[in-house]
Amino acid sequence: MVLNFLTAHSLEETSLLAARQVSERLLAQSPHSPSLLLVYFTQAHDAEELRHHFKQQFPSSRMIGCSSCGGVMTQTGHHARQGIGLAVAAIYDDKGAYGVAGKAGDAVDVRQLLRSAIADGGRPGELPQLILLHASPGQEEAMLESIEAELGTTVPVVGGSAADNSVNGDWQLCWDEGSTREGVALAVLYPDCQLAFQFHSGYVPTEYRGTITALSGREILTIDHEPAAEVYARWSGRTTPWPVGPILRETTLSPLARQVGTLDDMPYYKLSHPEAVTEGGGLRLFTDTQVGERLLLMYSSQEGLLQRSLNATRIEPEYGMATEMQPFGALVIFCAGCRLALGDSLCQFVDQFHTRLGDIPFITPFTFGEQGRLPHGELAHGNLMVSSVIFLDS
């Protein structure tokens, strides 16, 4: 079986019909069973129905999936009709190995889950080339700490937190053995090819900054001892206070960030997306923060966001692209907030992706948090980021 990366999508309204159509479209492209299925779908679909069908159709294939905000994108465009869409990427690699594990609940032992996935892949004691992580929003930082504690700091992680259309908790996850609204699914990959990784944000810093002085979970209560929502409104140039309630859509082009390090004397950042203003004037984020951390206001425009997001489709010179390595597929995990901010210009992403990497298949879910390694190897969970893996073969 030739090493391959294929995608298929469906706009059928019911989960069973959509899954059948995707299976038929994959089988029309290749008669083989995939090594790994990446399954991304909008909240209108039922993760358990999708899982059941794909495991029946491809019993020897591993699978991992999560829900995506508003649609799913592939090399043929953005797929959603009246909020309904399903897209699947299939990796074919009979010389590689792939393992998957998942668990429902809000207190998952990620170290044990990693061991289960590695055992499932038949490679006990061997570090994977990649961990693909999908989780319900809320525990991402703790999960990354567990991954580092189990496997050290060298294994790349690419991830995205499950999403719905309006932050109502209607996200879902699925894997070979089950599905859930709250939990974790992860895959370990030992492919018979090279992988290139990127973890980028599309934002630049402004001059506004302050220190977190009080916190409650993921809610920042005060910045420089003032109510956080008041400070953020002032930084954002608002003449009226932020209303209490969800502000996710309105804050996409002006998120908050913390500087993590520098590369070639240029600072790089981990972003946090303000999700809601609370009754007490606090600011609820999609990431953990700590008292004493310095926050700064970031900024982007639609065009800047698109261009800087495309940095995630760049292959660094050390991957040997000019000589023997050529891309044949990609997973590009894209922040749901950035997707909403880009609006109709999102379609330009497909065209510019092909300009950069050629006419290769890719799949893109839109997630509520992205995971990856920063320039000096720091494993990070951020918002409004793009986390990608590009598959390369000679």
Protein backbone atom coordinates (compact mmCIF):
# COMPACT_ATOMS: atom_id res chain seq x y z
CA MET A 1 0.00 0.00 0.00
CA VAL A 2 1.36 3.39 -1.00
CA LEU A 3 1.78 6.04 1.69
CA ASN A 4 -1.18 8.36 1.23
CA PHE A 5 -3.31 11.10 2.79
CA LEU A 6 -6.86 11.48 1.46
CA THR A 7 -9.88 13.54 2.51
CA ALA A 8 -13.62 13.27 1.95
CA HIS A 9 -16.55 15.36 3.17
CA SER A 10 -20.34 15.27 3.27
CA LEU A 11 -23.10 17.83 3.78
CA GLU A 12 -25.79 15.19 4.39
CA GLU A 13 -28.01 16.15 7.32
CA THR A 14 -28.09 12.88 9.26
CA SER A 15 -24.95 11.41 10.78
CA LEU A 16 -25.51 7.98 9.25
CA LEU A 17 -25.98 9.30 5.70
CA ALA A 18 -23.01 11.65 6.05
CA ALA A 19 -20.74 8.88 7.36
CA ARG A 20 -21.86 6.55 4.55
CA GLN A 21 -21.15 9.17 1.92
CA VAL A 22 -17.68 9.88 3.35
CA SER A 23 -16.88 6.14 3.43
CA GLU A 24 -18.00 5.74 -0.18
CA ARG A 25 -15.88 8.72 -1.26
CA LEU A 26 -12.81 7.36 0.53
CA LEU A 27 -13.29 3.88 -0.97
CA ALA A 28 -13.65 5.45 -4.42
CA GLN A 29 -10.18 6.98 -3.96
CA SER A 30 -8.53 3.91 -2.38
CA PRO A 31 -9.72 0.32 -1.81
CA HIS A 32 -7.43 -0.06 1.22
CA SER A 33 -8.31 0.36 4.88
CA PRO A 34 -6.81 3.56 6.33
CA SER A 35 -4.27 3.29 9.13
CA LEU A 36 -5.82 6.30 10.88
CA LEU A 37 -9.04 8.28 10.40
CA LEU A 38 -9.25 11.92 11.54
CA VAL A 39 -12.96 12.70 11.92
CA TYR A 40 -14.17 16.31 12.25
CA PHE A 41 -17.83 17.36 12.38
CA THR A 42 -20.21 20.11 13.48
CA GLN A 43 -22.27 19.83 16.66
CA ALA A 44 -25.42 18.82 14.74
CA HIS A 45 -23.82 15.41 14.12
CA ASP A 46 -23.81 12.59 16.67
CA ALA A 47 -20.26 11.51 17.49
CA GLU A 48 -21.36 8.03 18.57
CA GLU A 49 -23.22 7.40 15.31
CA LEU A 50 -20.21 8.53 13.29
CA ARG A 51 -17.88 6.36 15.36
CA HIS A 52 -20.11 3.31 15.03
CA HIS A 53 -20.33 3.59 11.26
CA PHE A 54 -16.63 4.16 10.63
CA LYS A 55 -15.64 1.28 12.92
CA GLN A 56 -18.06 -0.99 11.07
CA GLN A 57 -16.81 0.15 7.67
CA PHE A 58 -13.10 0.17 8.56
CA PRO A 59 -12.73 -2.23 11.52
CA SER A 60 -8.92 -2.37 11.37
CA SER A 61 -8.47 1.43 11.18
CA ARG A 62 -7.73 3.58 14.21
CA MET A 63 -9.87 6.71 14.56
CA ILE A 64 -9.93 9.94 16.53
CA GLY A 65 -12.30 12.86 16.11
CA CYS A 66 -13.80 15.97 17.60
CA SER A 67 -16.45 18.56 16.88
CA SER A 68 -15.59 21.75 15.01
CA CYS A 69 -17.11 25.25 15.12
CA GLY A 70 -19.35 26.08 12.17
CA GLY A 71 -17.89 23.67 9.62
CA VAL A 72 -14.73 21.86 8.55
CA MET A 73 -12.26 22.87 5.84
CA THR A 74 -10.36 20.70 3.36
CA GLN A 75 -8.39 21.36 0.18
CA THR A 76 -11.71 21.66 -1.67
CA GLY A 77 -13.10 24.42 0.54
CA HIS A 78 -15.16 25.09 3.66
CA HIS A 79 -17.83 22.45 4.29
CA ALA A 80 -21.04 23.40 6.07
CA ARG A 81 -24.66 23.71 5.05
CA GLN A 82 -27.00 25.26 7.62
CA GLY A 83 -24.39 24.51 10.26
CA ILE A 84 -24.01 20.85 9.30
CA GLY A 85 -20.77 19.36 7.98
CA LEU A 86 -18.52 16.32 8.24
CA ALA A 87 -15.01 15.84 6.86
CA VAL A 88 -12.55 13.01 7.34
CA ALA A 89 -8.85 12.65 6.57
CA ALA A 90 -7.55 9.12 6.03
CA ILE A 91 -3.87 8.27 6.46
CA TYR A 92 -2.71 5.13 4.64
CA ASP A 93 0.61 3.78 5.90
CA ASP A 94 1.13 0.03 6.22
CA LYS A 95 4.75 0.44 7.36
CA GLY A 96 3.88 2.88 10.12
CA ALA A 97 2.07 2.33 13.41
CA TYR A 98 -0.82 4.23 15.00
CA GLY A 99 -2.48 3.95 18.39
CA VAL A 100 -5.52 5.67 19.89
CA ALA A 101 -7.02 5.93 23.38
CA GLY A 102 -9.79 8.00 24.91
CA LYS A 103 -11.62 8.47 28.19
CA ALA A 104 -14.75 10.27 29.30
CA GLY A 105 -14.81 12.49 32.37
CA ASP A 106 -13.23 15.67 33.71
CA ALA A 107 -10.34 14.06 35.64
CA VAL A 108 -8.65 11.81 33.08
CA ASP A 109 -5.28 10.19 33.84
CA VAL A 110 -3.52 11.35 30.67
CA ARG A 111 -0.32 9.44 31.50
CA GLN A 112 -2.26 6.18 31.60
CA LEU A 113 -4.08 7.17 28.41
CA LEU A 114 -0.73 7.72 26.67
CA ARG A 115 0.44 4.26 27.73
CA SER A 116 -2.79 2.75 26.39
CA ALA A 117 -2.39 4.52 23.04
CA ILE A 118 1.26 3.46 22.72
CA ALA A 119 0.27 -0.14 23.52
CA ASP A 120 -2.57 0.11 20.99
CA GLY A 121 0.01 1.14 18.37
CA GLY A 122 2.15 -1.89 19.20
CA ARG A 123 5.21 0.21 20.05
CA PRO A 124 5.68 -0.11 23.84
CA GLY A 125 8.75 1.75 25.08
CA GLU A 126 9.15 3.72 21.85
CA LEU A 127 8.60 7.48 21.73
CA PRO A 128 6.01 8.45 19.10
CA GLN A 129 6.86 10.94 16.34
CA LEU A 130 3.68 12.85 17.16
CA ILE A 131 0.90 13.02 19.72
CA LEU A 132 -2.43 14.30 18.40
CA LEU A 133 -4.54 15.59 21.29
CA HIS A 134 -8.25 16.45 21.31
CA ALA A 135 -10.00 17.32 24.57
CA SER A 136 -13.06 19.12 25.84
CA PRO A 137 -12.15 22.68 26.89
CA GLY A 138 -10.93 23.24 30.44
CA GLN A 139 -8.07 20.91 31.39
CA GLU A 140 -5.58 21.44 28.57
CA GLU A 141 -2.63 22.80 30.56
CA ALA A 142 -2.77 19.94 33.07
CA MET A 143 -2.89 17.43 30.21
CA LEU A 144 0.21 18.91 28.58
CA GLU A 145 2.03 18.74 31.93
CA SER A 146 1.10 15.04 32.15
CA ILE A 147 2.40 14.41 28.62
CA GLU A 148 5.74 16.04 29.49
CA ALA A 149 5.92 14.12 32.77
CA GLU A 150 5.37 10.83 30.92
CA LEU A 151 7.41 11.31 27.73
CA GLY A 152 9.73 14.27 28.35
CA THR A 153 10.10 17.41 26.28
CA THR A 154 10.99 16.11 22.84
CA VAL A 155 7.79 14.57 21.45
CA PRO A 156 5.81 17.04 19.30
CA VAL A 157 2.18 17.61 20.24
CA VAL A 158 -0.42 18.96 17.84
CA GLY A 159 -3.86 19.53 19.29
CA GLY A 160 -7.17 21.31 19.30
CA SER A 161 -9.92 21.52 21.91
CA ALA A 162 -13.37 20.35 20.81
CA ALA A 163 -15.72 23.16 19.80
CA ASP A 164 -19.39 23.89 19.21
CA ASN A 165 -21.08 26.82 17.49
CA SER A 166 -21.77 29.08 20.47
CA VAL A 167 -19.82 27.96 23.59
CA ASN A 168 -22.81 26.09 25.01
CA GLY A 169 -20.92 22.91 25.85
CA ASP A 170 -22.30 21.04 22.83
CA TRP A 171 -18.84 19.84 21.78
CA GLN A 172 -18.10 16.13 21.33
CA LEU A 173 -15.15 13.75 21.03
CA CYS A 174 -14.87 10.24 19.60
CA TRP A 175 -12.26 7.50 19.28
CA ASP A 176 -12.20 3.76 18.48
CA GLU A 177 -13.87 2.63 21.68
CA GLY A 178 -16.23 5.45 22.57
CA SER A 179 -17.50 9.02 22.44
CA THR A 180 -18.19 11.74 24.99
CA ARG A 181 -18.92 15.41 25.54
CA GLU A 182 -16.35 15.79 28.33
CA GLY A 183 -13.05 13.95 28.18
CA VAL A 184 -9.89 13.34 26.18
CA ALA A 185 -8.96 11.47 23.02
CA LEU A 186 -5.39 11.16 21.82
CA ALA A 187 -3.49 9.38 19.07
CA VAL A 188 0.18 8.44 18.88
CA LEU A 189 1.73 8.36 15.42
CA TYR A 190 4.77 6.38 14.26
CA PRO A 191 4.50 7.13 10.53
CA ASP A 192 6.80 5.85 7.80
CA CYS A 193 7.50 9.44 6.72
CA GLN A 194 8.84 12.75 7.98
CA LEU A 195 6.70 15.31 9.81
CA ALA A 196 7.03 19.10 9.89
CA PHE A 197 5.35 21.14 12.64
CA GLN A 198 4.27 24.74 13.19
CA PHE A 199 2.51 26.54 16.04
CA HIS A 200 1.69 30.16 15.21
CA SER A 201 -0.47 33.12 16.13
CA GLY A 202 -1.60 35.83 13.76
CA TYR A 203 -1.19 38.78 16.15
CA VAL A 204 1.20 41.59 17.04
CA PRO A 205 1.59 43.26 20.47
CA THR A 206 0.24 46.72 21.38
CA GLU A 207 1.67 49.02 24.05
CA TYR A 208 -1.05 48.10 26.61
CA ARG A 209 0.03 45.80 29.42
CA GLY A 210 -0.67 45.05 33.07
CA THR A 211 -0.29 42.43 35.81
CA ILE A 212 -2.90 39.88 36.92
CA THR A 213 -3.63 40.70 40.57
CA ALA A 214 -6.58 38.37 41.34
CA LEU A 215 -7.92 35.17 39.77
CA SER A 216 -10.63 32.55 40.13
CA GLY A 217 -10.07 29.52 37.90
CA ARG A 218 -9.98 30.82 34.32
CA GLU A 219 -11.59 34.12 35.32
CA ILE A 220 -9.26 37.10 35.73
CA LEU A 221 -10.80 39.23 38.48
CA THR A 222 -8.41 42.19 38.47
CA ILE A 223 -5.55 43.62 36.41
CA ASP A 224 -3.35 46.06 38.35
CA HIS A 225 -6.00 45.84 41.11
CA GLU A 226 -8.75 47.18 38.83
CA PRO A 227 -11.71 45.09 37.55
CA ALA A 228 -10.33 43.14 34.60
CA ALA A 229 -13.22 43.90 32.25
CA GLU A 230 -12.80 47.66 32.86
CA VAL A 231 -9.08 47.51 32.08
CA TYR A 232 -9.70 45.43 28.97
CA ALA A 233 -12.39 47.86 27.76
CA ARG A 234 -10.00 50.78 28.20
CA TRP A 235 -7.19 48.95 26.39
CA SER A 236 -9.59 48.05 23.59
CA GLY A 237 -10.53 51.70 23.07
CA ARG A 238 -14.18 51.22 24.07
CA THR A 239 -16.15 54.25 25.20
CA THR A 240 -18.68 52.06 27.04
CA PRO A 241 -18.10 49.08 29.38
CA TRP A 242 -18.18 45.56 27.99
CA PRO A 243 -21.63 44.05 28.55
CA VAL A 244 -21.91 41.12 30.95
CA GLY A 245 -22.04 37.87 28.97
CA PRO A 246 -20.29 36.29 25.99
CA ILE A 247 -17.81 38.50 24.10
CA LEU A 248 -15.96 35.81 22.15
CA ARG A 249 -16.83 37.09 18.69
CA GLU A 250 -16.15 40.75 19.52
CA THR A 251 -12.72 40.12 21.05
CA THR A 252 -11.13 37.95 18.36
CA LEU A 253 -8.98 40.71 16.86
CA SER A 254 -7.82 42.00 20.27
CA PRO A 255 -6.89 39.04 22.51
CA LEU A 256 -4.62 39.04 25.55
CA ALA A 257 -1.20 37.37 25.67
CA ARG A 258 1.77 36.51 27.83
CA GLN A 259 5.32 36.62 26.52
CA VAL A 260 6.87 33.14 26.70
CA GLY A 261 10.35 33.77 25.33
CA THR A 262 12.39 35.28 22.53
CA LEU A 263 13.72 33.87 19.28
CA ASP A 264 16.42 35.84 17.42
CA ASP A 265 15.68 38.74 19.80
CA MET A 266 11.99 38.69 18.78
CA PRO A 267 9.48 37.97 21.58
CA TYR A 268 6.90 35.23 21.08
CA TYR A 269 3.61 34.85 22.90
CA LYS A 270 0.95 32.52 24.19
CA LEU A 271 -2.52 33.93 23.51
CA SER A 272 -5.69 33.91 25.61
CA HIS A 273 -9.11 34.66 24.13
CA PRO A 274 -11.52 36.61 26.38
CA GLU A 275 -14.70 34.53 26.30
CA ALA A 276 -17.08 36.39 28.62
CA VAL A 277 -17.48 39.27 31.05
CA THR A 278 -18.75 38.09 34.44
CA GLU A 279 -21.24 39.76 36.80
CA GLY A 280 -18.41 40.93 39.06
CA GLY A 281 -16.51 42.65 36.25
CA GLY A 282 -14.12 39.77 35.66
CA LEU A 283 -12.89 38.43 32.36
CA ARG A 284 -13.24 34.70 31.64
CA LEU A 285 -10.62 33.21 29.30
CA PHE A 286 -10.17 29.95 27.40
CA THR A 287 -6.77 29.34 29.07
CA ASP A 288 -5.31 29.15 32.56
CA THR A 289 -3.28 32.11 33.83
CA GLN A 290 -1.51 32.90 37.11
CA VAL A 291 -1.48 35.79 39.54
CA GLY A 292 1.57 37.93 38.85
CA GLU A 293 1.74 37.17 35.13
CA ARG A 294 2.12 40.16 32.80
CA LEU A 295 -0.67 40.44 30.23
CA LEU A 296 -0.49 42.50 27.09
CA LEU A 297 -3.09 43.41 24.52
CA MET A 298 -2.52 41.95 21.06
CA TYR A 299 -3.96 43.14 17.77
CA SER A 300 -4.63 41.88 14.27
CA SER A 301 -6.66 42.78 11.20
CA GLN A 302 -8.45 40.32 8.92
CA GLU A 303 -5.67 40.50 6.34
CA GLY A 304 -2.91 40.26 8.95
CA LEU A 305 -4.63 37.32 10.59
CA LEU A 306 -4.88 35.46 7.29
CA GLN A 307 -1.28 36.11 6.27
CA ARG A 308 0.26 35.29 9.65
CA SER A 309 -1.93 32.19 10.03
CA LEU A 310 -0.51 30.93 6.74
CA ASN A 311 2.90 30.76 8.47
CA ALA A 312 1.62 27.44 9.80
CA THR A 313 1.85 26.05 6.26
CA ARG A 314 5.54 26.89 5.95
CA ILE A 315 8.18 24.16 5.96
CA GLU A 316 11.48 25.19 7.53
CA PRO A 317 14.68 24.64 5.46
CA GLU A 318 15.94 21.91 7.82
CA TYR A 319 13.16 19.62 6.63
CA GLY A 320 15.01 19.28 3.31
CA MET A 321 12.11 20.35 1.09
CA ALA A 322 14.33 21.62 -1.71
CA THR A 323 16.09 18.28 -2.05
CA GLU A 324 14.10 15.11 -1.49
CA MET A 325 11.16 15.74 0.85
CA GLN A 326 7.78 16.62 -0.61
CA PRO A 327 4.52 17.25 1.29
CA PHE A 328 1.63 14.88 0.58
CA GLY A 329 -0.90 15.88 3.26
CA ALA A 330 -1.49 18.16 6.24
CA LEU A 331 -3.56 18.60 9.38
CA VAL A 332 -4.04 22.30 10.11
CA ILE A 333 -5.85 23.01 13.40
CA PHE A 334 -7.31 26.50 13.23
CA CYS A 335 -8.83 28.58 16.01
CA ALA A 336 -12.60 28.95 15.81
CA GLY A 337 -12.33 32.61 16.85
CA CYS A 338 -9.96 33.34 13.97
CA ARG A 339 -12.32 31.54 11.61
CA LEU A 340 -15.19 33.79 12.75
CA ALA A 341 -13.04 36.91 12.41
CA LEU A 342 -11.95 35.99 8.87
CA GLY A 343 -15.53 35.52 7.66
CA ASP A 344 -15.72 35.14 3.88
CA SER A 345 -12.00 35.74 3.45
CA LEU A 346 -11.44 32.27 4.94
CA CYS A 347 -11.80 30.90 1.40
CA GLN A 348 -8.51 32.65 0.54
CA PHE A 349 -6.76 30.31 2.97
CA VAL A 350 -7.35 27.35 0.64
CA ASP A 351 -5.94 29.16 -2.40
CA GLN A 352 -2.90 30.45 -0.54
CA PHE A 353 -2.31 27.05 1.10
CA HIS A 354 -2.04 25.49 -2.36
CA THR A 355 0.27 28.29 -3.51
CA ARG A 356 2.63 27.49 -0.64
CA LEU A 357 2.50 23.68 -0.46
CA GLY A 358 1.10 22.59 -3.81
CA ASP A 359 -2.11 20.79 -4.64
CA ILE A 360 -2.11 18.43 -1.66
CA PRO A 361 -4.98 17.28 0.57
CA PHE A 362 -5.41 18.85 4.00
CA ILE A 363 -8.04 18.94 6.72
CA THR A 364 -8.82 21.76 9.16
CA PRO A 365 -11.11 21.66 12.20
CA PHE A 366 -11.97 24.93 13.97
CA THR A 367 -11.25 24.51 17.68
CA PHE A 368 -11.64 26.27 21.05
CA GLY A 369 -7.96 26.09 21.98
CA GLU A 370 -4.81 24.93 20.24
CA GLN A 371 -1.84 22.97 21.52
CA GLY A 372 1.70 22.78 20.18
CA ARG A 373 5.37 23.40 20.91
CA LEU A 374 6.69 26.97 20.93
CA PRO A 375 10.07 27.90 19.37
CA HIS A 376 12.22 26.73 22.31
CA GLY A 377 10.24 23.52 22.76
CA GLU A 378 7.77 24.76 25.38
CA LEU A 379 4.58 22.70 25.23
CA ALA A 380 1.75 25.23 25.28
CA HIS A 381 -2.01 25.60 25.17
CA GLY A 382 -3.08 28.87 23.59
CA ASN A 383 -6.04 30.51 21.91
CA LEU A 384 -6.32 32.08 18.47
CA MET A 385 -3.42 29.93 17.25
CA VAL A 386 -2.79 27.61 14.32
CA SER A 387 -1.22 24.22 15.11
CA SER A 388 -0.18 22.12 12.14
CA VAL A 389 1.59 18.97 11.03
CA ILE A 390 2.68 18.45 7.43
CA PHE A 391 3.39 14.93 6.19
CA LEU A 392 6.52 14.69 4.02
CA ASP A 393 7.83 11.83 1.92
CA SER A 394 10.80 11.39 -0.38
